């Protein structure tokens, strides 16, 4: 079909909310039924033809020239801040160009003038937000600059002022290993900016950096950050980079164990995928922490889903179908994994497909075993690779479970560094007083630690005190916890918002997670008599 251009009235995607960002892309030449429509323009003539399949060419997002060195490995070197220097002027230049954006382009009809006025107001509001983000990035870089002046080299810092920079270079070293395993070697610019903008919220928890906690930083730190990008755009790597930074920062500032981050997802399958992905990044961070001599326990992940997916307690049916590490060595897994009833338990509860430290590249498999005695009968995943092939096994003289907990009882008692689970676990907190107390015990409220196993002990009933005594002495069977689990605050790292299919579901997730935040912040959780021994 051929027609003059001046009489051709384009259709408009009226279901899309108008925005100066994409108003120019909302028109299409015609609507096809059981097919698509393509348009060719020759002077003042438009030619419309049908196609067998609808087609839309999505405008590409082209990054602007910025001069920032995005190589992750190079950003783990002492001179990394010079490589980031072009970021601030490039952002400022982008703001200048964006402020001149023609917001009226693509607007038509009788309300075009009114819409343009609204779009201009929205642009001005967005510019204020972008300038605030620029300020957060500037503050993050300033903290790193100040910290580098006092950095004493890799490892624990002689001055607490050196902690943020050590966490920064260690994080990049860890993420460089993660990237190498996936075939890339650079940050995307938005990932780098996101991490830098988030640094003030965490680094200012160190007393020596309190002066950086300005009203602007406080506003940015206390706001929910929505990290939006299309699938495959790099959202997960961005918040995993921030997660690794926070884990390293916590160890360096004296938090030797306990939850540093809470991640929750709406779907169990999605949760398992993200758990494996997160654990791989944490394994790289743990290798870096160990080799740099940072204090504290190994970074660990609690897979908190329970129910039919993982055991809730050590008394769960089938729990003893998993052999102890003393009875059956993990090295004999190939022959043992077909033995019933262990085979059935393994099929239900083996959640990792490969070792997060070595990737099971040597052809080794994973084993499930219980570790009684000093291990507290915890259910663990064991890598069967030889020491020369696995950096985790290389550390220990005897088989040691990977830092990955799947049993609710173990998670509550061992307080993993990262708690990752589904929102229904949060919603179940109000159903049991004992569960509430055990849950908040992970966040620093457990009063005791069992000396033999290192497990937290939270008395909930009067009979829990029978035959027990406590002491501040390290060698006592039940000793008072001395605060290494609850040092300052913890981080809430949410799942990706794009995975929440319904707005009411997102509201419910927010309600439960922020309820937890409120209780932790107010520190109103207390044990009533006779359990109050503070």
Protein backbone atom coordinates (compact mmCIF):
# COMPACT_ATOMS: atom_id res chain seq x y z
CA UNK A 1 0.00 0.00 0.00
CA UNK A 2 1.38 3.42 -1.00
CA UNK A 3 0.12 6.75 0.35
CA UNK A 4 1.33 10.35 0.70
CA UNK A 5 3.28 10.97 3.91
CA UNK A 6 1.18 14.02 4.81
CA UNK A 7 -2.02 11.98 5.18
CA UNK A 8 -0.43 9.04 6.97
CA UNK A 9 -1.56 9.03 10.60
CA UNK A 10 0.70 6.86 12.77
CA UNK A 11 -0.69 4.78 15.63
CA UNK A 12 0.58 5.35 19.16
CA UNK A 13 1.22 2.95 22.02
CA UNK A 14 -1.30 4.56 24.33
CA UNK A 15 -0.85 1.96 27.09
CA UNK A 16 2.68 3.17 27.76
CA UNK A 17 2.94 6.02 30.24
CA UNK A 18 4.41 9.09 28.49
CA UNK A 19 8.02 9.88 29.29
CA UNK A 20 10.63 12.12 27.72
CA UNK A 21 12.94 9.11 27.73
CA UNK A 22 11.06 7.22 25.01
CA UNK A 23 8.19 9.35 23.65
CA UNK A 24 9.94 9.40 20.26
CA UNK A 25 9.73 5.59 20.05
CA UNK A 26 6.01 5.15 20.75
CA UNK A 27 4.71 5.55 17.17
CA UNK A 28 4.25 2.72 14.70
CA UNK A 29 3.00 2.95 11.10
CA UNK A 30 0.07 0.51 11.17
CA UNK A 31 -1.44 -2.42 13.03
CA UNK A 32 -1.16 -5.84 11.43
CA UNK A 33 -3.44 -8.82 12.06
CA UNK A 34 -1.77 -12.23 11.98
CA UNK A 35 1.33 -10.49 10.76
CA UNK A 36 3.44 -7.37 10.96
CA UNK A 37 3.68 -4.13 8.98
CA UNK A 38 6.88 -2.63 7.59
CA UNK A 39 7.18 0.91 6.23
CA UNK A 40 9.54 2.29 3.59
CA UNK A 41 9.83 6.02 2.87
CA UNK A 42 10.67 7.47 -0.54
CA UNK A 43 10.54 11.24 -0.40
CA UNK A 44 6.99 12.26 0.46
CA UNK A 45 5.61 8.77 -0.12
CA UNK A 46 5.20 5.98 2.45
CA UNK A 47 4.91 2.36 1.36
CA UNK A 48 3.39 -0.13 3.79
CA UNK A 49 3.89 -3.86 3.32
CA UNK A 50 2.86 -6.84 5.41
CA UNK A 51 5.37 -9.24 6.88
CA UNK A 52 4.90 -12.81 8.05
CA UNK A 53 6.07 -11.91 11.57
CA UNK A 54 5.91 -8.69 13.60
CA UNK A 55 9.30 -7.07 14.06
CA UNK A 56 10.55 -4.22 16.20
CA UNK A 57 14.06 -2.84 16.21
CA UNK A 58 14.92 -1.89 19.77
CA UNK A 59 17.05 1.28 19.98
CA UNK A 60 20.45 0.44 21.42
CA UNK A 61 21.74 1.94 24.63
CA UNK A 62 25.12 3.26 23.57
CA UNK A 63 27.52 4.10 26.41
CA UNK A 64 29.14 7.51 26.22
CA UNK A 65 32.92 7.93 26.16
CA UNK A 66 34.19 8.31 29.70
CA UNK A 67 37.84 7.26 29.96
CA UNK A 68 37.29 5.20 33.13
CA UNK A 69 39.38 2.05 33.37
CA UNK A 70 36.81 -0.70 33.93
CA UNK A 71 39.26 -3.60 34.13
CA UNK A 72 38.44 -5.38 37.38
CA UNK A 73 41.93 -6.79 38.03
CA UNK A 74 43.60 -3.40 37.54
CA UNK A 75 41.13 -1.85 39.98
CA UNK A 76 42.53 -4.18 42.64
CA UNK A 77 45.92 -2.45 42.44
CA UNK A 78 47.12 0.39 44.71
CA UNK A 79 46.89 2.92 41.85
CA UNK A 80 43.27 2.08 41.09
CA UNK A 81 41.83 5.44 42.13
CA UNK A 82 43.71 7.26 39.36
CA UNK A 83 41.97 4.92 36.94
CA UNK A 84 38.60 6.07 38.31
CA UNK A 85 39.42 9.79 38.15
CA UNK A 86 37.60 10.44 34.81
CA UNK A 87 34.30 9.20 36.24
CA UNK A 88 33.21 12.40 38.00
CA UNK A 89 33.91 14.85 35.14
CA UNK A 90 32.31 12.42 32.66
CA UNK A 91 29.18 12.26 34.82
CA UNK A 92 29.10 16.06 35.13
CA UNK A 93 29.40 16.44 31.36
CA UNK A 94 26.60 13.94 30.83
CA UNK A 95 24.36 15.95 33.18
CA UNK A 96 25.06 19.12 31.18
CA UNK A 97 24.10 17.42 27.93
CA UNK A 98 21.04 15.73 29.44
CA UNK A 99 19.75 19.03 30.83
CA UNK A 100 19.38 20.26 27.22
CA UNK A 101 17.40 17.22 26.12
CA UNK A 102 14.40 18.14 23.89
CA UNK A 103 11.65 16.66 26.03
CA UNK A 104 8.90 17.64 23.61
CA UNK A 105 10.11 15.39 20.82
CA UNK A 106 7.47 12.83 19.91
CA UNK A 107 4.58 14.63 21.61
CA UNK A 108 1.51 15.23 19.45
CA UNK A 109 -2.17 16.02 19.81
CA UNK A 110 -4.20 18.67 21.65
CA UNK A 111 -2.47 18.03 24.99
CA UNK A 112 1.06 18.17 23.63
CA UNK A 113 1.86 21.50 25.31
CA UNK A 114 0.53 20.31 28.66
CA UNK A 115 2.48 17.05 28.37
CA UNK A 116 5.66 18.90 27.46
CA UNK A 117 5.37 21.06 30.57
CA UNK A 118 4.97 17.96 32.71
CA UNK A 119 7.93 16.28 31.03
CA UNK A 120 10.15 19.32 31.59
CA UNK A 121 9.24 19.27 35.30
CA UNK A 122 10.04 15.55 35.43
CA UNK A 123 13.41 16.12 33.77
CA UNK A 124 14.31 18.74 36.36
CA UNK A 125 13.37 16.36 39.17
CA UNK A 126 15.43 13.59 37.59
CA UNK A 127 18.40 15.92 37.26
CA UNK A 128 18.24 16.58 40.99
CA UNK A 129 18.24 12.83 41.65
CA UNK A 130 21.17 12.27 39.29
CA UNK A 131 23.11 15.07 40.96
CA UNK A 132 22.46 13.40 44.33
CA UNK A 133 23.75 10.14 42.89
CA UNK A 134 26.82 11.97 41.61
CA UNK A 135 27.31 13.32 45.12
CA UNK A 136 27.15 9.78 46.54
CA UNK A 137 29.76 8.59 44.02
CA UNK A 138 31.95 11.57 44.86
CA UNK A 139 31.66 10.76 48.57
CA UNK A 140 32.54 7.13 47.93
CA UNK A 141 35.65 8.10 46.01
CA UNK A 142 36.61 10.63 48.71
CA UNK A 143 36.39 7.91 51.37
CA UNK A 144 38.62 5.63 49.29
CA UNK A 145 41.09 8.46 48.71
CA UNK A 146 41.29 9.20 52.43
CA UNK A 147 41.55 5.52 53.26
CA UNK A 148 44.36 4.90 50.78
CA UNK A 149 46.53 7.47 52.60
CA UNK A 150 46.45 5.18 55.65
CA UNK A 151 46.48 1.83 53.86
CA UNK A 152 49.24 -0.42 55.22
CA UNK A 153 49.20 -2.93 52.39
CA UNK A 154 47.28 -6.21 51.92
CA UNK A 155 45.87 -7.69 55.11
CA UNK A 156 44.63 -6.36 58.46
CA UNK A 157 45.20 -2.63 58.73
CA UNK A 158 47.45 -0.88 61.23
CA UNK A 159 44.99 2.01 61.22
CA UNK A 160 41.22 1.65 60.96
CA UNK A 161 41.34 4.45 58.42
CA UNK A 162 42.85 1.99 55.94
CA UNK A 163 39.95 -0.47 56.14
CA UNK A 164 37.68 0.80 53.30
CA UNK A 165 40.51 0.83 50.74
CA UNK A 166 41.64 -2.68 51.75
CA UNK A 167 38.02 -3.87 51.37
CA UNK A 168 37.84 -2.16 47.96
CA UNK A 169 40.98 -3.67 46.45
CA UNK A 170 40.16 -7.08 47.98
CA UNK A 171 36.66 -6.96 46.51
CA UNK A 172 38.00 -6.20 43.02
CA UNK A 173 40.56 -9.00 43.33
CA UNK A 174 37.77 -11.43 44.24
CA UNK A 175 35.39 -10.25 41.51
CA UNK A 176 38.22 -10.48 38.96
CA UNK A 177 38.36 -14.22 39.70
CA UNK A 178 34.60 -14.49 39.30
CA UNK A 179 34.74 -12.60 36.01
CA UNK A 180 37.58 -14.74 34.67
CA UNK A 181 35.48 -17.83 35.28
CA UNK A 182 32.68 -16.36 33.18
CA UNK A 183 34.81 -15.03 30.35
CA UNK A 184 34.82 -11.27 30.95
CA UNK A 185 37.25 -8.91 32.67
CA UNK A 186 35.55 -5.52 33.03
CA UNK A 187 32.89 -3.86 35.11
CA UNK A 188 30.05 -2.17 33.33
CA UNK A 189 30.03 1.50 34.20
CA UNK A 190 26.69 1.43 36.02
CA UNK A 191 27.93 -1.46 38.20
CA UNK A 192 31.00 0.46 39.23
CA UNK A 193 29.00 3.63 39.91
CA UNK A 194 26.45 1.67 41.97
CA UNK A 195 29.12 0.19 44.23
CA UNK A 196 30.95 3.50 44.65
CA UNK A 197 27.71 5.32 45.49
CA UNK A 198 26.94 2.70 48.15
CA UNK A 199 30.33 2.83 49.90
CA UNK A 200 29.46 5.82 52.18
CA UNK A 201 26.48 3.95 53.67
CA UNK A 202 28.80 1.22 54.97
CA UNK A 203 32.19 2.86 55.44
CA UNK A 204 30.70 5.55 57.67
CA UNK A 205 29.89 2.87 60.24
CA UNK A 206 33.59 3.03 61.07
CA UNK A 207 34.01 5.74 63.68
CA UNK A 208 36.96 7.31 61.88
CA UNK A 209 34.70 8.05 58.87
CA UNK A 210 31.74 9.50 60.75
CA UNK A 211 32.52 12.96 59.35
CA UNK A 212 31.58 11.67 55.89
CA UNK A 213 28.06 10.90 57.11
CA UNK A 214 26.51 14.13 55.86
CA UNK A 215 22.75 14.74 55.53
CA UNK A 216 23.08 13.97 51.81
CA UNK A 217 24.83 10.67 52.52
CA UNK A 218 22.24 9.83 55.18
CA UNK A 219 19.39 10.44 52.73
CA UNK A 220 21.01 8.25 50.09
CA UNK A 221 21.92 5.53 52.60
CA UNK A 222 18.43 5.29 54.08
CA UNK A 223 16.65 5.14 50.73
CA UNK A 224 15.82 1.95 48.86
CA UNK A 225 17.98 1.73 45.74
CA UNK A 226 16.24 0.21 42.73
CA UNK A 227 18.82 -1.25 40.38
CA UNK A 228 16.98 -1.68 37.10
CA UNK A 229 18.37 -3.20 33.93
CA UNK A 230 17.21 -5.71 31.35
CA UNK A 231 17.89 -9.43 31.70
CA UNK A 232 21.58 -10.13 31.26
CA UNK A 233 22.47 -6.51 31.89
CA UNK A 234 24.59 -7.19 34.97
CA UNK A 235 22.33 -6.42 37.96
CA UNK A 236 23.45 -9.48 39.89
CA UNK A 237 27.15 -8.74 39.44
CA UNK A 238 26.57 -5.19 40.66
CA UNK A 239 25.02 -6.17 43.97
CA UNK A 240 27.33 -9.17 44.35
CA UNK A 241 30.26 -6.77 44.09
CA UNK A 242 28.70 -4.61 46.81
CA UNK A 243 27.97 -7.71 48.89
CA UNK A 244 31.60 -8.83 48.72
CA UNK A 245 32.76 -5.33 49.69
CA UNK A 246 30.48 -5.35 52.75
CA UNK A 247 31.59 -8.83 53.83
CA UNK A 248 35.26 -7.84 53.66
CA UNK A 249 34.60 -4.50 55.36
CA UNK A 250 32.80 -6.23 58.23
CA UNK A 251 35.64 -8.67 58.89
CA UNK A 252 38.22 -5.88 58.83
CA UNK A 253 36.27 -3.70 61.25
CA UNK A 254 35.85 -6.47 63.80
CA UNK A 255 32.70 -8.38 62.93
CA UNK A 256 34.16 -11.88 63.11
CA UNK A 257 30.94 -13.82 62.46
CA UNK A 258 27.22 -13.29 62.00
CA UNK A 259 24.84 -12.11 59.31
CA UNK A 260 26.05 -9.22 57.17
CA UNK A 261 23.40 -9.42 54.44
CA UNK A 262 19.89 -10.68 53.92
CA UNK A 263 18.73 -11.63 50.42
CA UNK A 264 15.25 -12.92 49.68
CA UNK A 265 13.48 -14.06 46.53
CA UNK A 266 9.88 -14.98 45.74
CA UNK A 267 10.52 -18.34 44.06
CA UNK A 268 12.42 -21.35 45.41
CA UNK A 269 13.90 -22.32 42.03
CA UNK A 270 15.13 -18.78 41.52
CA UNK A 271 16.49 -18.80 45.07
CA UNK A 272 18.57 -21.93 44.38
CA UNK A 273 19.98 -20.44 41.17
CA UNK A 274 20.94 -17.25 42.96
CA UNK A 275 22.35 -19.20 45.93
CA UNK A 276 24.81 -21.00 43.66
CA UNK A 277 25.73 -17.77 41.92
CA UNK A 278 26.16 -15.92 45.20
CA UNK A 279 28.20 -18.72 46.76
CA UNK A 280 30.63 -18.65 43.82
CA UNK A 281 31.29 -14.94 44.44
CA UNK A 282 31.57 -15.54 48.18
CA UNK A 283 34.06 -18.37 47.63
CA UNK A 284 36.30 -16.01 45.64
CA UNK A 285 35.96 -13.44 48.44
CA UNK A 286 36.75 -16.08 51.05
CA UNK A 287 39.90 -17.11 49.19
CA UNK A 288 40.94 -13.47 49.13
CA UNK A 289 40.12 -12.99 52.84
CA UNK A 290 42.08 -16.09 53.80
CA UNK A 291 45.20 -15.33 51.77
CA UNK A 292 45.28 -11.69 52.88
CA UNK A 293 45.00 -12.74 56.51
CA UNK A 294 41.76 -10.93 57.33
CA UNK A 295 40.36 -11.98 60.73
CA UNK A 296 37.18 -13.88 61.46
CA UNK A 297 35.36 -17.00 60.37
CA UNK A 298 35.07 -18.04 56.70
CA UNK A 299 32.30 -16.35 54.74
CA UNK A 300 29.26 -18.63 54.73
CA UNK A 301 25.85 -18.77 53.08
CA UNK A 302 22.63 -19.93 54.71
CA UNK A 303 20.13 -21.37 52.23
CA UNK A 304 17.01 -20.58 54.23
CA UNK A 305 14.01 -22.20 52.53
CA UNK A 306 13.16 -25.23 54.70
CA UNK A 307 10.07 -27.33 54.35
CA UNK A 308 10.10 -29.95 51.58
CA UNK A 309 13.27 -28.48 50.07
CA UNK A 310 15.67 -28.72 52.99
CA UNK A 311 15.44 -30.09 56.55
CA UNK A 312 14.14 -27.75 59.22
CA UNK A 313 15.71 -29.57 62.17
CA UNK A 314 18.11 -32.38 62.96
CA UNK A 315 15.05 -34.41 63.94
CA UNK A 316 13.56 -34.21 60.44
CA UNK A 317 12.60 -37.59 58.98
CA UNK A 318 15.45 -38.99 56.94
CA UNK A 319 18.11 -36.78 58.51
CA UNK A 320 20.06 -39.76 59.85
CA UNK A 321 19.93 -41.39 56.41
CA UNK A 322 22.90 -39.15 55.68
CA UNK A 323 26.01 -40.86 57.05
CA UNK A 324 28.46 -39.13 59.35
CA UNK A 325 31.81 -38.07 58.00
CA UNK A 326 33.48 -40.54 60.38
CA UNK A 327 31.41 -43.52 59.17
CA UNK A 328 31.78 -42.92 55.44
CA UNK A 329 34.56 -40.69 54.15
CA UNK A 330 33.52 -38.17 51.46
CA UNK A 331 36.33 -39.56 49.30
CA UNK A 332 34.23 -42.71 48.84
CA UNK A 333 31.24 -40.83 47.45
CA UNK A 334 31.29 -42.36 43.96
CA UNK A 335 30.66 -45.84 45.34
CA UNK A 336 28.42 -44.74 48.22
CA UNK A 337 26.01 -42.40 46.43
CA UNK A 338 23.96 -45.31 45.01
CA UNK A 339 23.46 -46.83 48.47
CA UNK A 340 19.99 -46.53 49.98
CA UNK A 341 18.68 -44.78 52.00
CA UNK A 342 21.49 -42.27 51.48
CA UNK A 343 20.73 -42.06 47.74
CA UNK A 344 17.21 -40.70 48.40
CA UNK A 345 18.44 -38.18 50.97
CA UNK A 346 21.17 -37.04 48.58
CA UNK A 347 18.69 -36.50 45.76
CA UNK A 348 16.53 -34.33 48.04
CA UNK A 349 19.14 -32.29 49.83
CA UNK A 350 22.24 -31.97 47.65
CA UNK A 351 21.75 -28.37 46.50
CA UNK A 352 25.10 -27.57 44.85
CA UNK A 353 26.01 -28.83 41.41
CA UNK A 354 29.73 -28.14 41.85
CA UNK A 355 32.21 -26.86 44.42
CA UNK A 356 32.19 -23.03 44.56
CA UNK A 357 35.93 -22.99 45.22
CA UNK A 358 37.30 -25.33 42.53
CA UNK A 359 34.28 -25.72 40.27
CA UNK A 360 34.76 -29.51 40.50
CA UNK A 361 36.93 -29.15 37.40
CA UNK A 362 38.95 -32.22 38.38
CA UNK A 363 35.87 -34.37 37.82
CA UNK A 364 35.20 -34.68 41.54
CA UNK A 365 31.72 -34.90 42.95
CA UNK A 366 30.04 -33.47 46.05
CA UNK A 367 29.00 -35.48 49.08
CA UNK A 368 26.51 -34.95 51.90
CA UNK A 369 27.67 -35.89 55.38
CA UNK A 370 26.80 -35.14 58.98
CA UNK A 371 29.54 -34.03 61.36
CA UNK A 372 28.85 -34.96 64.99
CA UNK A 373 30.88 -33.94 67.99
CA UNK A 374 32.57 -30.60 67.43
CA UNK A 375 30.57 -30.29 64.21
CA UNK A 376 27.28 -30.18 66.15
CA UNK A 377 25.76 -32.89 63.88
CA UNK A 378 25.44 -30.27 61.11
CA UNK A 379 24.59 -31.44 57.60
CA UNK A 380 27.25 -30.28 55.16
CA UNK A 381 28.28 -30.39 51.51
CA UNK A 382 31.78 -31.81 51.04
CA UNK A 383 34.01 -31.35 48.01
CA UNK A 384 35.84 -34.59 47.21
CA UNK A 385 38.56 -32.99 45.08
CA UNK A 386 42.15 -33.55 46.22
CA UNK A 387 43.81 -30.74 48.16
CA UNK A 388 45.98 -29.78 45.21
CA UNK A 389 42.83 -29.11 43.14
CA UNK A 390 40.62 -27.28 45.66
CA UNK A 391 41.64 -24.17 47.60
CA UNK A 392 39.07 -24.97 50.33
CA UNK A 393 40.25 -28.54 50.98
CA UNK A 394 43.85 -27.37 50.86
CA UNK A 395 43.40 -25.54 54.17
CA UNK A 396 42.36 -28.49 56.30
CA UNK A 397 43.90 -31.74 57.51
CA UNK A 398 40.54 -33.52 57.63
CA UNK A 399 37.34 -33.35 55.52
CA UNK A 400 35.62 -30.04 56.22
CA UNK A 401 32.16 -29.04 54.92
CA UNK A 402 31.83 -26.15 52.52
CA UNK A 403 30.57 -22.94 54.19
CA UNK A 404 27.02 -23.58 52.97
CA UNK A 405 24.20 -24.39 55.40
CA UNK A 406 20.83 -25.79 54.36
CA UNK A 407 19.26 -26.93 57.65
CA UNK A 408 17.29 -24.26 59.49
CA UNK A 409 18.67 -25.40 62.84
CA UNK A 410 22.25 -25.06 61.58
CA UNK A 411 21.53 -21.68 60.05
CA UNK A 412 20.10 -20.30 63.30
CA UNK A 413 22.97 -21.70 65.37
CA UNK A 414 25.90 -20.91 63.05
CA UNK A 415 24.81 -17.42 61.91
CA UNK A 416 26.01 -17.43 58.29
CA UNK A 417 27.49 -14.31 56.71
CA UNK A 418 24.70 -14.16 54.14
CA UNK A 419 21.14 -15.33 54.70
CA UNK A 420 19.43 -16.14 51.41
CA UNK A 421 15.89 -17.42 51.24
CA UNK A 422 12.28 -16.93 50.28
CA UNK A 423 9.85 -14.42 51.68
CA UNK A 424 7.57 -17.09 53.14
CA UNK A 425 10.30 -17.88 55.68
CA UNK A 426 10.08 -14.29 56.91
CA UNK A 427 6.29 -14.51 57.04
CA UNK A 428 6.53 -17.61 59.26
CA UNK A 429 8.48 -15.76 61.96
CA UNK A 430 5.38 -14.71 63.84
CA UNK A 431 4.12 -18.28 64.17
CA UNK A 432 6.63 -19.44 66.77
CA UNK A 433 8.22 -17.56 69.65
CA UNK A 434 11.18 -19.95 69.59
CA UNK A 435 11.77 -19.35 65.88
CA UNK A 436 11.65 -15.60 66.40
CA UNK A 437 14.29 -15.79 69.10
CA UNK A 438 16.53 -18.09 67.09
CA UNK A 439 16.17 -15.87 64.02
CA UNK A 440 17.18 -12.71 65.82
CA UNK A 441 19.93 -14.63 67.55
CA UNK A 442 21.73 -14.64 64.18
CA UNK A 443 21.71 -10.85 64.21
CA UNK A 444 23.50 -10.48 67.50
CA UNK A 445 20.81 -11.23 70.08
CA UNK A 446 21.93 -14.76 71.03
CA UNK A 447 23.29 -14.48 74.59
CA UNK A 448 25.54 -17.57 74.56
CA UNK A 449 27.92 -19.61 72.44
CA UNK A 450 28.58 -23.32 72.99
CA UNK A 451 32.33 -23.55 73.42
CA UNK A 452 32.71 -27.06 71.98
CA UNK A 453 30.81 -26.43 68.73
CA UNK A 454 30.78 -22.64 68.33
CA UNK A 455 27.01 -22.79 67.91
CA UNK A 456 24.83 -19.99 69.25
CA UNK A 457 22.57 -20.90 72.14
CA UNK A 458 19.25 -19.09 72.64
CA UNK A 459 17.24 -20.41 75.62
CA UNK A 460 13.52 -20.27 74.96
CA UNK A 461 12.00 -22.43 77.71
CA UNK A 462 12.70 -22.89 81.39
CA UNK A 463 13.91 -26.45 80.81
CA UNK A 464 16.64 -25.08 78.52
CA UNK A 465 18.40 -23.91 81.66
CA UNK A 466 18.32 -27.26 83.45
CA UNK A 467 21.83 -28.45 84.21
CA UNK A 468 23.38 -25.50 82.44
CA UNK A 469 25.64 -22.74 83.67
CA UNK A 470 27.29 -19.92 81.82
CA UNK A 471 30.47 -17.92 82.17
CA UNK A 472 32.48 -15.25 80.39
CA UNK A 473 35.49 -17.57 80.43
CA UNK A 474 36.44 -18.88 76.95
CA UNK A 475 36.89 -22.46 78.17
CA UNK A 476 33.47 -22.74 79.83
CA UNK A 477 30.97 -25.09 78.09
CA UNK A 478 28.45 -22.26 77.75
CA UNK A 479 29.99 -18.82 77.57
CA UNK A 480 28.57 -15.35 77.12
CA UNK A 481 28.83 -14.04 73.58
CA UNK A 482 31.08 -11.00 73.52
CA UNK A 483 29.66 -9.06 70.57
CA UNK A 484 31.73 -10.34 67.64
CA UNK A 485 28.50 -11.45 65.97
CA UNK A 486 26.55 -8.20 66.18
CA UNK A 487 29.17 -5.54 65.47
CA UNK A 488 27.15 -2.53 64.28
CA UNK A 489 24.52 -3.01 61.61
CA UNK A 490 23.83 -5.45 58.85
CA UNK A 491 22.97 -5.04 55.21
CA UNK A 492 19.70 -5.76 53.48
CA UNK A 493 20.47 -6.77 49.90
CA UNK A 494 17.14 -7.54 48.25
CA UNK A 495 16.43 -9.76 45.29
CA UNK A 496 15.98 -8.19 41.91
CA UNK A 497 12.69 -6.29 41.71
CA UNK A 498 12.13 -7.47 38.14
CA UNK A 499 11.46 -10.94 39.50
CA UNK A 500 8.42 -9.83 41.49
CA UNK A 501 5.52 -10.53 39.20
CA UNK A 502 2.84 -8.64 41.15
CA UNK A 503 2.85 -5.33 42.93
CA UNK A 504 0.96 -6.74 45.93
CA UNK A 505 3.60 -9.47 46.26
CA UNK A 506 6.31 -6.82 46.24
CA UNK A 507 4.46 -4.94 48.95
CA UNK A 508 4.26 -8.07 51.09
CA UNK A 509 7.98 -8.76 50.63
CA UNK A 510 8.75 -5.20 51.62
CA UNK A 511 6.53 -5.40 54.69
CA UNK A 512 8.27 -8.43 56.15
CA UNK A 513 11.83 -7.45 55.30
CA UNK A 514 11.47 -3.92 56.61
CA UNK A 515 9.77 -5.24 59.75
CA UNK A 516 12.94 -7.21 60.39
CA UNK A 517 14.98 -4.08 59.70
CA UNK A 518 12.91 -2.08 62.18
CA UNK A 519 13.34 -4.61 64.97
CA UNK A 520 17.08 -4.88 64.35
CA UNK A 521 17.54 -1.12 64.23
CA UNK A 522 15.55 -0.44 67.37
CA UNK A 523 17.16 -3.41 69.18
CA UNK A 524 13.92 -3.91 71.09
CA UNK A 525 14.17 -7.69 71.09
CA UNK A 526 14.70 -8.89 74.65
CA UNK A 527 14.38 -12.07 76.66
CA UNK A 528 11.80 -11.95 79.39
CA UNK A 529 12.33 -13.41 82.84
CA UNK A 530 13.69 -15.93 83.66
CA UNK A 531 15.76 -15.70 80.47
CA UNK A 532 16.90 -12.11 80.83
CA UNK A 533 20.45 -12.51 82.07
CA UNK A 534 21.92 -9.25 80.78
